[in-house]
Amino acid sequence: MMVRLHQNARTTPAIRAEIAASSESVACLAARYNVGESTIRC
């Protein structure tokens, strides 16, 4: 199955899985993946 991403998407399903599994702070993850904190919280 091919995943369709928005053309400006900065996260992939693999990155979202890493974020979900991480115990690091929201701020740290946002800086690492160059996304907003609200993206990390979703």
N, C-alpha and C. Protein backbone atom coordinates (compact mmCIF):
# COMPACT_ATOMS: atom_id res chain seq x y z
N MET A 1 0.84 -1.18 0.00
CA MET A 1 0.00 0.00 0.00
C MET A 1 0.88 1.24 0.00
N MET A 2 0.62 2.14 -0.90
CA MET A 2 1.39 3.38 -0.99
C MET A 2 0.73 4.46 -0.15
N VAL A 3 1.50 5.11 0.69
CA VAL A 3 0.98 6.17 1.54
C VAL A 3 1.08 7.48 0.78
N ARG A 4 -0.02 8.22 0.75
CA ARG A 4 -0.01 9.52 0.10
C ARG A 4 0.22 10.59 1.16
N LEU A 5 1.24 11.40 0.96
CA LEU A 5 1.56 12.47 1.89
C LEU A 5 1.28 13.82 1.25
N HIS A 6 0.94 14.79 2.06
CA HIS A 6 0.80 16.15 1.57
C HIS A 6 2.15 16.57 1.01
N GLN A 7 2.15 17.38 -0.02
CA GLN A 7 3.41 17.75 -0.67
C GLN A 7 4.36 18.51 0.26
N ASN A 8 3.85 19.14 1.30
CA ASN A 8 4.70 19.86 2.25
C ASN A 8 4.91 19.09 3.55
N ALA A 9 4.53 17.84 3.58
CA ALA A 9 4.65 17.04 4.80
C ALA A 9 6.12 16.89 5.20
N ARG A 10 6.38 17.08 6.48
CA ARG A 10 7.74 16.92 6.99
C ARG A 10 7.93 15.61 7.72
N THR A 11 6.82 14.95 8.04
CA THR A 11 6.93 13.67 8.74
C THR A 11 6.35 12.56 7.89
N THR A 12 6.95 11.42 7.97
CA THR A 12 6.50 10.22 7.28
C THR A 12 5.90 9.28 8.32
N PRO A 13 5.23 8.24 7.89
CA PRO A 13 4.72 7.28 8.88
C PRO A 13 5.83 6.71 9.77
N ALA A 14 7.01 6.50 9.23
CA ALA A 14 8.12 5.98 10.04
C ALA A 14 8.56 6.98 11.09
N ILE A 15 8.63 8.25 10.73
CA ILE A 15 9.02 9.28 11.69
C ILE A 15 7.94 9.43 12.75
N ARG A 16 6.66 9.37 12.35
CA ARG A 16 5.58 9.46 13.34
C ARG A 16 5.63 8.31 14.32
N ALA A 17 6.01 7.14 13.87
CA ALA A 17 6.14 5.99 14.77
C ALA A 17 7.28 6.21 15.76
N GLU A 18 8.39 6.78 15.29
CA GLU A 18 9.52 7.09 16.18
C GLU A 18 9.09 8.10 17.24
N ILE A 19 8.35 9.12 16.82
CA ILE A 19 7.87 10.14 17.75
C ILE A 19 6.96 9.51 18.80
N ALA A 20 6.04 8.67 18.37
CA ALA A 20 5.10 8.04 19.30
C ALA A 20 5.81 7.14 20.31
N ALA A 21 6.89 6.51 19.89
CA ALA A 21 7.60 5.58 20.76
C ALA A 21 8.61 6.28 21.68
N SER A 22 8.89 7.54 21.41
CA SER A 22 9.92 8.26 22.15
C SER A 22 9.43 8.73 23.51
N SER A 23 10.35 8.77 24.46
CA SER A 23 10.03 9.31 25.78
C SER A 23 10.65 10.70 25.97
N GLU A 24 11.21 11.26 24.90
CA GLU A 24 11.81 12.59 24.97
C GLU A 24 10.72 13.66 25.05
N SER A 25 11.13 14.85 25.44
CA SER A 25 10.17 15.95 25.58
C SER A 25 9.65 16.40 24.22
N VAL A 26 8.50 17.02 24.24
CA VAL A 26 7.89 17.54 23.02
C VAL A 26 8.84 18.55 22.36
N ALA A 27 9.43 19.43 23.16
CA ALA A 27 10.33 20.45 22.62
C ALA A 27 11.55 19.82 21.94
N CYS A 28 12.10 18.80 22.55
CA CYS A 28 13.27 18.12 22.00
C CYS A 28 12.92 17.45 20.67
N LEU A 29 11.80 16.76 20.63
CA LEU A 29 11.38 16.08 19.40
C LEU A 29 11.07 17.08 18.29
N ALA A 30 10.42 18.18 18.64
CA ALA A 30 10.09 19.21 17.65
C ALA A 30 11.36 19.78 17.03
N ALA A 31 12.36 20.02 17.85
CA ALA A 31 13.63 20.54 17.34
C ALA A 31 14.33 19.50 16.47
N ARG A 32 14.32 18.25 16.89
CA ARG A 32 14.99 17.20 16.14
C ARG A 32 14.40 17.01 14.75
N TYR A 33 13.07 17.03 14.67
CA TYR A 33 12.41 16.76 13.39
C TYR A 33 12.01 18.03 12.64
N ASN A 34 12.39 19.19 13.20
CA ASN A 34 12.14 20.49 12.56
C ASN A 34 10.64 20.69 12.27
N VAL A 35 9.83 20.42 13.27
CA VAL A 35 8.39 20.61 13.18
C VAL A 35 7.91 21.35 14.42
N GLY A 36 6.69 21.83 14.42
CA GLY A 36 6.13 22.51 15.57
C GLY A 36 5.76 21.54 16.67
N GLU A 37 5.66 22.05 17.87
CA GLU A 37 5.29 21.21 19.00
C GLU A 37 3.89 20.64 18.84
N SER A 38 3.01 21.39 18.18
CA SER A 38 1.65 20.87 17.97
C SER A 38 1.66 19.64 17.06
N THR A 39 2.61 19.57 16.15
CA THR A 39 2.74 18.39 15.29
C THR A 39 3.14 17.18 16.12
N ILE A 40 4.03 17.37 17.07
CA ILE A 40 4.48 16.28 17.93
C ILE A 40 3.33 15.78 18.80
N ARG A 41 2.50 16.69 19.26
CA ARG A 41 1.40 16.31 20.16
C ARG A 41 0.30 15.53 19.46
N CYS A 42 0.19 15.66 18.14
CA CYS A 42 -0.91 15.00 17.40
C CYS A 42 -0.78 13.52 17.35
